[in-house]
Amino acid sequence: MKNECHIVRDLMPLYTEGMLSDESAAFVKAHLETCEDCRAAYGGEEKPPVTEADTAQQRVGEAGVLRTLKKKLRKQTWCAIVITVAVVLLVTLLLRLNPIDYLADISATKEYTISDRMALLFKGGISDRATALSVLNSVHIVFENKEEDVYNKMAMSREEISYYFGALMNYCVPEVFEGEILTTYHIDLLSAHFGGSSGKMWVKYGYSHFDQAHDLRPYDSTGAIDHIALWKLEKRDDGYWRVVEIVNNMELGCIYSDWYKDYARGDTELNMSWYAD
């Protein structure tokens, strides 16, 4: 093998990549045209050197690939943003919704308007619920005492107390249970909506009655009675929210009455409303 062949074969990788100077490339090309062995060593075909035009075309192709990749990345990014926002909104909505079972519980009651039912479905804002909780903080006395005891325990006139509690006075323990029944209760806020001088609160409350004459066992084997009720409120000039109407409620003592037995058999409807005096 000639020395020239050794030189050409050492230069061939650079030649095929177009990395030789014009003079060196011309030298390799001229040798390949006259040397059959060197052509055979590289497949018998000469790979043309890369020209500036080829390089420019390659760059254009690479730029197109990069643009395509950027478009795909932007599309994927926007898809991820949209999905994230949708999930956040869905979770937020679910957190502000009450179970649909509550609507089923009141579906048979004709007195509730569409607005009332939507107020039950949506829990309400933070400020509305804070206002509602302040109302609930003042109702324990009427749930735990007879009406006369409420008047005796508060340093206010009967008229002021009656006006202050409004329709809530109907929750007072009935006189018929005096000395016989120990009553405990729980009350949960389901939703609250206040605007201007009017508001609505949906609550779920229940009583447990215990027979004081028989070791505080559940009275008449009834256990706890849970019920959903709508409270309608009006705002006084001093900012106090007064309950003026309680829609579709269950009186504390009615569960032992003949009326409740008729209701349990389906012979009558549980559609009661209490109003403030």
C-alpha atoms as a PDB file:
ATOM      1  CA  MET A   1       0.000   0.000   0.000  1.00  0.00           C
ATOM      2  CA  LYS A   2       1.328   3.333  -0.936  1.00  0.00           C
ATOM      3  CA  ASN A   3       2.002   5.979   1.690  1.00  0.00           C
ATOM      4  CA  GLU A   4      -0.553   8.145  -0.083  1.00  0.00           C
ATOM      5  CA  CYS A   5      -3.176   5.460   0.493  1.00  0.00           C
ATOM      6  CA  HIS A   6      -2.432   5.443   4.228  1.00  0.00           C
ATOM      7  CA  ILE A   7      -2.842   9.211   4.345  1.00  0.00           C
ATOM      8  CA  VAL A   8      -6.093   9.130   2.390  1.00  0.00           C
ATOM      9  CA  ARG A   9      -7.599   6.395   4.578  1.00  0.00           C
ATOM     10  CA  ASP A  10      -6.684   8.369   7.706  1.00  0.00           C
ATOM     11  CA  LEU A  11      -8.411  11.399   6.223  1.00  0.00           C
ATOM     12  CA  MET A  12     -11.533   9.596   4.977  1.00  0.00           C
ATOM     13  CA  PRO A  13     -13.627  10.004   8.190  1.00  0.00           C
ATOM     14  CA  LEU A  14     -13.009  13.760   8.109  1.00  0.00           C
ATOM     15  CA  TYR A  15     -13.616  13.803   4.362  1.00  0.00           C
ATOM     16  CA  THR A  16     -17.002  12.146   4.613  1.00  0.00           C
ATOM     17  CA  GLU A  17     -18.055  14.580   7.363  1.00  0.00           C
ATOM     18  CA  GLY A  18     -16.953  17.576   5.314  1.00  0.00           C
ATOM     19  CA  MET A  19     -14.449  18.676   7.894  1.00  0.00           C
ATOM     20  CA  LEU A  20     -11.369  18.915   5.622  1.00  0.00           C
ATOM     21  CA  SER A  21     -10.054  22.049   4.058  1.00  0.00           C
ATOM     22  CA  ASP A  22     -10.721  22.571   0.394  1.00  0.00           C
ATOM     23  CA  GLU A  23      -7.163  21.566  -0.511  1.00  0.00           C
ATOM     24  CA  SER A  24      -7.211  18.355   1.578  1.00  0.00           C
ATOM     25  CA  ALA A  25     -10.653  17.417   0.269  1.00  0.00           C
ATOM     26  CA  ALA A  26      -9.495  17.881  -3.302  1.00  0.00           C
ATOM     27  CA  PHE A  27      -6.476  15.690  -2.591  1.00  0.00           C
ATOM     28  CA  VAL A  28      -8.616  12.855  -1.186  1.00  0.00           C
ATOM     29  CA  LYS A  29     -11.084  13.101  -4.034  1.00  0.00           C
ATOM     30  CA  ALA A  30      -8.345  12.945  -6.674  1.00  0.00           C
ATOM     31  CA  HIS A  31      -6.786   9.919  -5.018  1.00  0.00           C
ATOM     32  CA  LEU A  32     -10.098   8.027  -4.848  1.00  0.00           C
ATOM     33  CA  GLU A  33     -10.597   8.607  -8.562  1.00  0.00           C
ATOM     34  CA  THR A  34      -7.319   6.834  -9.366  1.00  0.00           C
ATOM     35  CA  CYS A  35      -7.026   4.262  -6.544  1.00  0.00           C
ATOM     36  CA  GLU A  36      -9.289   1.241  -6.891  1.00  0.00           C
ATOM     37  CA  ASP A  37      -8.185  -0.293  -3.565  1.00  0.00           C
ATOM     38  CA  CYS A  38      -9.165   2.801  -1.540  1.00  0.00           C
ATOM     39  CA  ARG A  39     -12.542   2.989  -3.283  1.00  0.00           C
ATOM     40  CA  ALA A  40     -13.118  -0.714  -2.541  1.00  0.00           C
ATOM     41  CA  ALA A  41     -12.181  -0.225   1.126  1.00  0.00           C
ATOM     42  CA  TYR A  42     -15.038   2.245   1.448  1.00  0.00           C
ATOM     43  CA  GLY A  43     -17.678   0.264  -0.417  1.00  0.00           C
ATOM     44  CA  GLY A  44     -16.634   1.251  -3.844  1.00  0.00           C
ATOM     45  CA  GLU A  45     -18.554   4.489  -3.578  1.00  0.00           C
ATOM     46  CA  GLU A  46     -17.346   7.819  -2.649  1.00  0.00           C
ATOM     47  CA  LYS A  47     -19.348   9.697  -0.081  1.00  0.00           C
ATOM     48  CA  PRO A  48     -19.507  13.273  -1.239  1.00  0.00           C
ATOM     49  CA  PRO A  49     -18.285  15.913   1.175  1.00  0.00           C
ATOM     50  CA  VAL A  50     -20.863  17.923   3.046  1.00  0.00           C
ATOM     51  CA  THR A  51     -21.324  21.304   1.439  1.00  0.00           C
ATOM     52  CA  GLU A  52     -22.501  24.547   3.011  1.00  0.00           C
ATOM     53  CA  ALA A  53     -25.861  24.053   1.322  1.00  0.00           C
ATOM     54  CA  ASP A  54     -26.194  20.626   2.963  1.00  0.00           C
ATOM     55  CA  THR A  55     -25.288  22.121   6.324  1.00  0.00           C
ATOM     56  CA  ALA A  56     -27.848  24.923   5.914  1.00  0.00           C
ATOM     57  CA  GLN A  57     -30.537  22.417   4.926  1.00  0.00           C
ATOM     58  CA  GLN A  58     -29.712  20.298   7.963  1.00  0.00           C
ATOM     59  CA  ARG A  59     -30.035  23.312  10.224  1.00  0.00           C
ATOM     60  CA  VAL A  60     -33.397  24.166   8.694  1.00  0.00           C
ATOM     61  CA  GLY A  61     -34.576  20.612   9.369  1.00  0.00           C
ATOM     62  CA  GLU A  62     -33.346  20.718  12.954  1.00  0.00           C
ATOM     63  CA  ALA A  63     -35.080  24.057  13.463  1.00  0.00           C
ATOM     64  CA  GLY A  64     -38.332  22.545  12.206  1.00  0.00           C
ATOM     65  CA  VAL A  65     -38.007  19.639  14.616  1.00  0.00           C
ATOM     66  CA  LEU A  66     -37.389  22.049  17.496  1.00  0.00           C
ATOM     67  CA  ARG A  67     -40.454  24.101  16.564  1.00  0.00           C
ATOM     68  CA  THR A  68     -42.569  20.964  16.484  1.00  0.00           C
ATOM     69  CA  LEU A  69     -41.261  19.884  19.868  1.00  0.00           C
ATOM     70  CA  LYS A  70     -41.943  23.323  21.343  1.00  0.00           C
ATOM     71  CA  LYS A  71     -45.510  23.269  20.027  1.00  0.00           C
ATOM     72  CA  LYS A  72     -46.078  19.835  21.576  1.00  0.00           C
ATOM     73  CA  LEU A  73     -44.591  20.979  24.884  1.00  0.00           C
ATOM     74  CA  ARG A  74     -46.780  24.100  24.921  1.00  0.00           C
ATOM     75  CA  LYS A  75     -49.852  21.998  24.128  1.00  0.00           C
ATOM     76  CA  GLN A  76     -49.010  19.525  26.877  1.00  0.00           C
ATOM     77  CA  THR A  77     -48.370  22.375  29.317  1.00  0.00           C
ATOM     78  CA  TRP A  78     -51.740  23.986  28.563  1.00  0.00           C
ATOM     79  CA  CYS A  79     -53.492  20.625  28.847  1.00  0.00           C
ATOM     80  CA  ALA A  80     -51.868  20.084  32.244  1.00  0.00           C
ATOM     81  CA  ILE A  81     -52.925  23.592  33.374  1.00  0.00           C
ATOM     82  CA  VAL A  82     -56.516  23.082  32.204  1.00  0.00           C
ATOM     83  CA  ILE A  83     -56.758  19.677  33.907  1.00  0.00           C
ATOM     84  CA  THR A  84     -55.285  21.078  37.142  1.00  0.00           C
ATOM     85  CA  VAL A  85     -57.717  24.017  37.178  1.00  0.00           C
ATOM     86  CA  ALA A  86     -60.645  21.685  36.443  1.00  0.00           C
ATOM     87  CA  VAL A  87     -59.661  19.354  39.286  1.00  0.00           C
ATOM     88  CA  VAL A  88     -59.254  22.270  41.721  1.00  0.00           C
ATOM     89  CA  LEU A  89     -62.649  23.691  40.744  1.00  0.00           C
ATOM     90  CA  LEU A  90     -64.288  20.274  41.037  1.00  0.00           C
ATOM     91  CA  VAL A  91     -62.792  19.641  44.481  1.00  0.00           C
ATOM     92  CA  THR A  92     -63.794  23.151  45.605  1.00  0.00           C
ATOM     93  CA  LEU A  93     -67.335  22.593  44.344  1.00  0.00           C
ATOM     94  CA  LEU A  94     -67.613  19.208  46.043  1.00  0.00           C
ATOM     95  CA  LEU A  95     -66.392  20.692  49.322  1.00  0.00           C
ATOM     96  CA  ARG A  96     -69.124  23.331  49.103  1.00  0.00           C
ATOM     97  CA  LEU A  97     -71.893  20.849  48.310  1.00  0.00           C
ATOM     98  CA  ASN A  98     -73.985  18.868  50.742  1.00  0.00           C
ATOM     99  CA  PRO A  99     -74.829  15.226  50.034  1.00  0.00           C
ATOM    100  CA  ILE A 100     -77.664  14.839  47.544  1.00  0.00           C
ATOM    101  CA  ASP A 101     -79.410  12.664  50.138  1.00  0.00           C
ATOM    102  CA  TYR A 102     -80.514  15.819  51.950  1.00  0.00           C
ATOM    103  CA  LEU A 103     -82.495  16.916  48.901  1.00  0.00           C
ATOM    104  CA  ALA A 104     -84.091  13.478  48.756  1.00  0.00           C
ATOM    105  CA  ASP A 105     -85.098  13.820  52.418  1.00  0.00           C
ATOM    106  CA  ILE A 106     -87.106  16.981  51.713  1.00  0.00           C
ATOM    107  CA  SER A 107     -88.329  16.069  48.226  1.00  0.00           C
ATOM    108  CA  ALA A 108     -91.878  15.337  49.406  1.00  0.00           C
ATOM    109  CA  THR A 109     -92.316  18.706  51.120  1.00  0.00           C
ATOM    110  CA  LYS A 110     -94.156  21.150  48.889  1.00  0.00           C
ATOM    111  CA  GLU A 111     -93.468  24.199  51.042  1.00  0.00           C
ATOM    112  CA  TYR A 112     -89.821  24.443  49.975  1.00  0.00           C
ATOM    113  CA  THR A 113     -89.109  26.608  46.946  1.00  0.00           C
ATOM    114  CA  ILE A 114     -86.375  25.939  44.398  1.00  0.00           C
ATOM    115  CA  SER A 115     -84.356  28.663  46.119  1.00  0.00           C
ATOM    116  CA  ASP A 116     -84.766  26.859  49.458  1.00  0.00           C
ATOM    117  CA  ARG A 117     -83.583  23.577  47.954  1.00  0.00           C
ATOM    118  CA  MET A 118     -80.550  25.169  46.292  1.00  0.00           C
ATOM    119  CA  ALA A 119     -79.706  26.803  49.611  1.00  0.00           C
ATOM    120  CA  LEU A 120     -79.599  23.313  51.143  1.00  0.00           C
ATOM    121  CA  LEU A 121     -77.442  21.888  48.355  1.00  0.00           C
ATOM    122  CA  PHE A 122     -74.754  24.606  48.598  1.00  0.00           C
ATOM    123  CA  LYS A 123     -73.123  25.001  52.012  1.00  0.00           C
ATOM    124  CA  GLY A 124     -72.490  28.721  51.645  1.00  0.00           C
ATOM    125  CA  GLY A 125     -69.433  30.906  52.067  1.00  0.00           C
ATOM    126  CA  ILE A 126     -67.099  31.153  55.034  1.00  0.00           C
ATOM    127  CA  SER A 127     -68.571  34.438  56.280  1.00  0.00           C
ATOM    128  CA  ASP A 128     -72.130  33.097  55.973  1.00  0.00           C
ATOM    129  CA  ARG A 129     -71.265  29.994  57.984  1.00  0.00           C
ATOM    130  CA  ALA A 130     -69.513  32.127  60.618  1.00  0.00           C
ATOM    131  CA  THR A 131     -72.686  34.210  60.989  1.00  0.00           C
ATOM    132  CA  ALA A 132     -74.783  31.062  61.256  1.00  0.00           C
ATOM    133  CA  LEU A 133     -72.532  29.575  63.945  1.00  0.00           C
ATOM    134  CA  SER A 134     -72.939  32.746  66.022  1.00  0.00           C
ATOM    135  CA  VAL A 135     -76.713  32.190  65.822  1.00  0.00           C
ATOM    136  CA  LEU A 136     -76.351  28.553  66.895  1.00  0.00           C
ATOM    137  CA  ASN A 137     -74.223  29.553  69.874  1.00  0.00           C
ATOM    138  CA  SER A 138     -77.223  31.277  71.449  1.00  0.00           C
ATOM    139  CA  VAL A 139     -79.883  28.590  70.991  1.00  0.00           C
ATOM    140  CA  HIS A 140     -78.787  25.993  73.531  1.00  0.00           C
ATOM    141  CA  ILE A 141     -80.901  27.519  76.305  1.00  0.00           C
ATOM    142  CA  VAL A 142     -84.178  26.959  74.437  1.00  0.00           C
ATOM    143  CA  PHE A 143     -83.254  23.391  73.519  1.00  0.00           C
ATOM    144  CA  GLU A 144     -82.456  22.458  77.104  1.00  0.00           C
ATOM    145  CA  ASN A 145     -85.156  24.275  79.126  1.00  0.00           C
ATOM    146  CA  LYS A 146     -88.872  24.761  79.438  1.00  0.00           C
ATOM    147  CA  GLU A 147     -90.182  28.087  78.225  1.00  0.00           C
ATOM    148  CA  GLU A 148     -90.830  29.328  81.758  1.00  0.00           C
ATOM    149  CA  ASP A 149     -87.280  28.399  82.808  1.00  0.00           C
ATOM    150  CA  VAL A 150     -85.891  30.389  79.884  1.00  0.00           C
ATOM    151  CA  TYR A 151     -87.762  33.455  81.114  1.00  0.00           C
ATOM    152  CA  ASN A 152     -86.497  32.928  84.661  1.00  0.00           C
ATOM    153  CA  LYS A 153     -82.834  32.387  83.720  1.00  0.00           C
ATOM    154  CA  MET A 154     -82.326  35.444  81.526  1.00  0.00           C
ATOM    155  CA  ALA A 155     -82.076  38.974  82.856  1.00  0.00           C
ATOM    156  CA  MET A 156     -84.553  40.325  80.335  1.00  0.00           C
ATOM    157  CA  SER A 157     -88.277  40.929  80.203  1.00  0.00           C
ATOM    158  CA  ARG A 158     -90.520  38.222  78.776  1.00  0.00           C
ATOM    159  CA  GLU A 159     -91.259  40.392  75.754  1.00  0.00           C
ATOM    160  CA  GLU A 160     -87.563  40.978  75.089  1.00  0.00           C
ATOM    161  CA  ILE A 161     -86.741  37.276  75.423  1.00  0.00           C
ATOM    162  CA  SER A 162     -89.603  36.273  73.177  1.00  0.00           C
ATOM    163  CA  TYR A 163     -88.521  38.809  70.561  1.00  0.00           C
ATOM    164  CA  TYR A 164     -84.847  37.858  70.887  1.00  0.00           C
ATOM    165  CA  PHE A 165     -85.338  34.145  70.248  1.00  0.00           C
ATOM    166  CA  GLY A 166     -88.248  34.543  67.850  1.00  0.00           C
ATOM    167  CA  ALA A 167     -89.426  31.244  66.392  1.00  0.00           C
ATOM    168  CA  LEU A 168     -86.721  29.377  68.346  1.00  0.00           C
ATOM    169  CA  MET A 169     -88.928  29.559  71.458  1.00  0.00           C
ATOM    170  CA  ASN A 170     -90.875  26.665  69.955  1.00  0.00           C
ATOM    171  CA  TYR A 171     -87.908  24.410  70.708  1.00  0.00           C
ATOM    172  CA  CYS A 172     -88.372  24.747  74.453  1.00  0.00           C
ATOM    173  CA  VAL A 173     -88.901  21.464  76.299  1.00  0.00           C
ATOM    174  CA  PRO A 174     -92.658  20.775  76.600  1.00  0.00           C
ATOM    175  CA  GLU A 175     -94.195  20.961  80.053  1.00  0.00           C
ATOM    176  CA  VAL A 176     -95.470  17.385  79.695  1.00  0.00           C
ATOM    177  CA  PHE A 177     -91.904  16.117  80.114  1.00  0.00           C
ATOM    178  CA  GLU A 178     -91.246  17.999  83.350  1.00  0.00           C
ATOM    179  CA  GLY A 179     -89.697  15.665  85.927  1.00  0.00           C
ATOM    180  CA  GLU A 180     -89.983  12.621  83.659  1.00  0.00           C
ATOM    181  CA  ILE A 181     -87.622  13.116  80.760  1.00  0.00           C
ATOM    182  CA  LEU A 182     -83.984  14.114  80.496  1.00  0.00           C
ATOM    183  CA  THR A 183     -83.459  15.536  77.033  1.00  0.00           C
ATOM    184  CA  THR A 184     -80.142  15.921  75.243  1.00  0.00           C
ATOM    185  CA  TYR A 185     -79.768  17.306  71.758  1.00  0.00           C
ATOM    186  CA  HIS A 186     -77.301  17.893  68.962  1.00  0.00           C
ATOM    187  CA  ILE A 187     -77.564  20.359  66.115  1.00  0.00           C
ATOM    188  CA  ASP A 188     -75.471  20.550  62.952  1.00  0.00           C
ATOM    189  CA  LEU A 189     -75.240  23.382  60.470  1.00  0.00           C
ATOM    190  CA  LEU A 190     -75.830  22.138  56.911  1.00  0.00           C
ATOM    191  CA  SER A 191     -75.784  25.416  54.999  1.00  0.00           C
ATOM    192  CA  ALA A 192     -76.018  29.167  55.510  1.00  0.00           C
ATOM    193  CA  HIS A 193     -76.811  32.016  53.133  1.00  0.00           C
ATOM    194  CA  PHE A 194     -77.142  35.642  54.209  1.00  0.00           C
ATOM    195  CA  GLY A 195     -77.704  38.713  52.094  1.00  0.00           C
ATOM    196  CA  GLY A 196     -78.936  42.175  52.966  1.00  0.00           C
ATOM    197  CA  SER A 197     -81.466  41.863  55.787  1.00  0.00           C
ATOM    198  CA  SER A 198     -82.580  38.249  55.192  1.00  0.00           C
ATOM    199  CA  GLY A 199     -80.964  34.875  55.520  1.00  0.00           C
ATOM    200  CA  LYS A 200     -81.513  31.124  55.424  1.00  0.00           C
ATOM    201  CA  MET A 201     -80.001  28.389  57.543  1.00  0.00           C
ATOM    202  CA  TRP A 202     -80.494  24.683  57.028  1.00  0.00           C
ATOM    203  CA  VAL A 203     -79.869  22.684  60.184  1.00  0.00           C
ATOM    204  CA  LYS A 204     -80.045  19.053  61.169  1.00  0.00           C
ATOM    205  CA  TYR A 205     -80.883  18.415  64.779  1.00  0.00           C
ATOM    206  CA  GLY A 206     -81.873  15.509  66.928  1.00  0.00           C
ATOM    207  CA  TYR A 207     -83.117  14.774  70.425  1.00  0.00           C
ATOM    208  CA  SER A 208     -82.437  11.875  72.713  1.00  0.00           C
ATOM    209  CA  HIS A 209     -84.959  11.341  75.529  1.00  0.00           C
ATOM    210  CA  PHE A 210     -84.079   9.427  78.680  1.00  0.00           C
ATOM    211  CA  ASP A 211     -86.522   8.232  81.319  1.00  0.00           C
ATOM    212  CA  GLN A 212     -85.424   9.689  84.666  1.00  0.00           C
ATOM    213  CA  ALA A 213     -87.665   7.278  86.548  1.00  0.00           C
ATOM    214  CA  HIS A 214     -85.983   4.197  85.084  1.00  0.00           C
ATOM    215  CA  ASP A 215     -82.214   4.662  85.276  1.00  0.00           C
ATOM    216  CA  LEU A 216     -82.120   7.074  82.329  1.00  0.00           C
ATOM    217  CA  ARG A 217     -82.849   4.399  79.792  1.00  0.00           C
ATOM    218  CA  PRO A 218     -84.056   5.660  76.387  1.00  0.00           C
ATOM    219  CA  TYR A 219     -87.598   6.893  76.783  1.00  0.00           C
ATOM    220  CA  ASP A 220     -90.180   4.642  75.133  1.00  0.00           C
ATOM    221  CA  SER A 221     -87.302   2.961  73.288  1.00  0.00           C
ATOM    222  CA  THR A 222     -87.262   5.788  70.780  1.00  0.00           C
ATOM    223  CA  GLY A 223     -83.564   6.759  70.828  1.00  0.00           C
ATOM    224  CA  ALA A 224     -82.490   9.799  68.840  1.00  0.00           C
ATOM    225  CA  ILE A 225     -84.746  11.603  66.389  1.00  0.00           C
ATOM    226  CA  ASP A 226     -82.939  13.453  63.564  1.00  0.00           C
ATOM    227  CA  HIS A 227     -84.631  16.043  61.451  1.00  0.00           C
ATOM    228  CA  ILE A 228     -83.725  18.632  58.808  1.00  0.00           C
ATOM    229  CA  ALA A 229     -85.254  22.089  59.133  1.00  0.00           C
ATOM    230  CA  LEU A 230     -85.040  25.429  57.369  1.00  0.00           C
ATOM    231  CA  TRP A 231     -84.604  28.543  59.486  1.00  0.00           C
ATOM    232  CA  LYS A 232     -85.482  31.876  57.919  1.00  0.00           C
ATOM    233  CA  LEU A 233     -83.901  34.916  59.538  1.00  0.00           C
ATOM    234  CA  GLU A 234     -84.147  38.698  59.524  1.00  0.00           C
ATOM    235  CA  LYS A 235     -81.424  41.120  60.526  1.00  0.00           C
ATOM    236  CA  ARG A 236     -82.228  43.606  63.271  1.00  0.00           C
ATOM    237  CA  ASP A 237     -80.906  47.157  63.357  1.00  0.00           C
ATOM    238  CA  ASP A 238     -78.277  46.149  65.921  1.00  0.00           C
ATOM    239  CA  GLY A 239     -76.920  43.459  63.573  1.00  0.00           C
ATOM    240  CA  TYR A 240     -78.480  40.477  65.384  1.00  0.00           C
ATOM    241  CA  TRP A 241     -79.970  37.803  63.147  1.00  0.00           C
ATOM    242  CA  ARG A 242     -83.394  36.760  64.460  1.00  0.00           C
ATOM    243  CA  VAL A 243     -85.091  33.485  63.456  1.00  0.00           C
ATOM    244  CA  VAL A 244     -88.551  34.495  62.264  1.00  0.00           C
ATOM    245  CA  GLU A 245     -89.729  31.209  60.725  1.00  0.00           C
ATOM    246  CA  ILE A 246     -88.905  27.518  61.048  1.00  0.00           C
ATOM    247  CA  VAL A 247     -90.255  25.512  58.123  1.00  0.00           C
ATOM    248  CA  ASN A 248     -91.285  21.838  58.312  1.00  0.00           C
ATOM    249  CA  ASN A 249     -90.202  21.199  61.841  1.00  0.00           C
ATOM    250  CA  MET A 250     -90.917  18.470  64.353  1.00  0.00           C
ATOM    251  CA  GLU A 251     -92.082  19.464  67.789  1.00  0.00           C
ATOM    252  CA  LEU A 252     -90.124  18.021  70.702  1.00  0.00           C
ATOM    253  CA  GLY A 253     -93.131  16.167  72.124  1.00  0.00           C
ATOM    254  CA  CYS A 254     -95.016  15.285  68.965  1.00  0.00           C
ATOM    255  CA  ILE A 255     -93.125  12.044  68.431  1.00  0.00           C
ATOM    256  CA  TYR A 256     -95.202  10.493  71.223  1.00  0.00           C
ATOM    257  CA  SER A 257     -98.535  11.919  70.122  1.00  0.00           C
ATOM    258  CA  ASP A 258    -101.345  10.331  68.140  1.00  0.00           C
ATOM    259  CA  TRP A 259    -100.536  12.813  65.359  1.00  0.00           C
ATOM    260  CA  TYR A 260     -97.021  11.389  65.009  1.00  0.00           C
ATOM    261  CA  LYS A 261     -98.361   7.846  64.943  1.00  0.00           C
ATOM    262  CA  ASP A 262    -100.634   8.882  62.070  1.00  0.00           C
ATOM    263  CA  TYR A 263     -97.609  10.412  60.322  1.00  0.00           C
ATOM    264  CA  ALA A 264     -95.591   7.237  60.801  1.00  0.00           C
ATOM    265  CA  ARG A 265     -98.396   5.260  59.131  1.00  0.00           C
ATOM    266  CA  GLY A 266     -98.479   7.751  56.258  1.00  0.00           C
ATOM    267  CA  ASP A 267    -101.959   9.056  57.140  1.00  0.00           C
ATOM    268  CA  THR A 268    -100.785  12.657  57.431  1.00  0.00           C
ATOM    269  CA  GLU A 269     -97.921  14.857  56.233  1.00  0.00           C
ATOM    270  CA  LEU A 270     -95.104  16.302  58.265  1.00  0.00           C
ATOM    271  CA  ASN A 271     -95.518  19.903  57.101  1.00  0.00           C
ATOM    272  CA  MET A 272     -95.284  22.281  60.035  1.00  0.00           C
ATOM    273  CA  SER A 273     -94.027  25.844  60.293  1.00  0.00           C
ATOM    274  CA  TRP A 274     -93.328  27.946  63.356  1.00  0.00           C
ATOM    275  CA  TYR A 275     -93.267  31.727  63.331  1.00  0.00           C
ATOM    276  CA  ALA A 276     -91.877  34.369  65.626  1.00  0.00           C
ATOM    277  CA  ASP A 277     -94.425  36.239  67.746  1.00  0.00           C
END
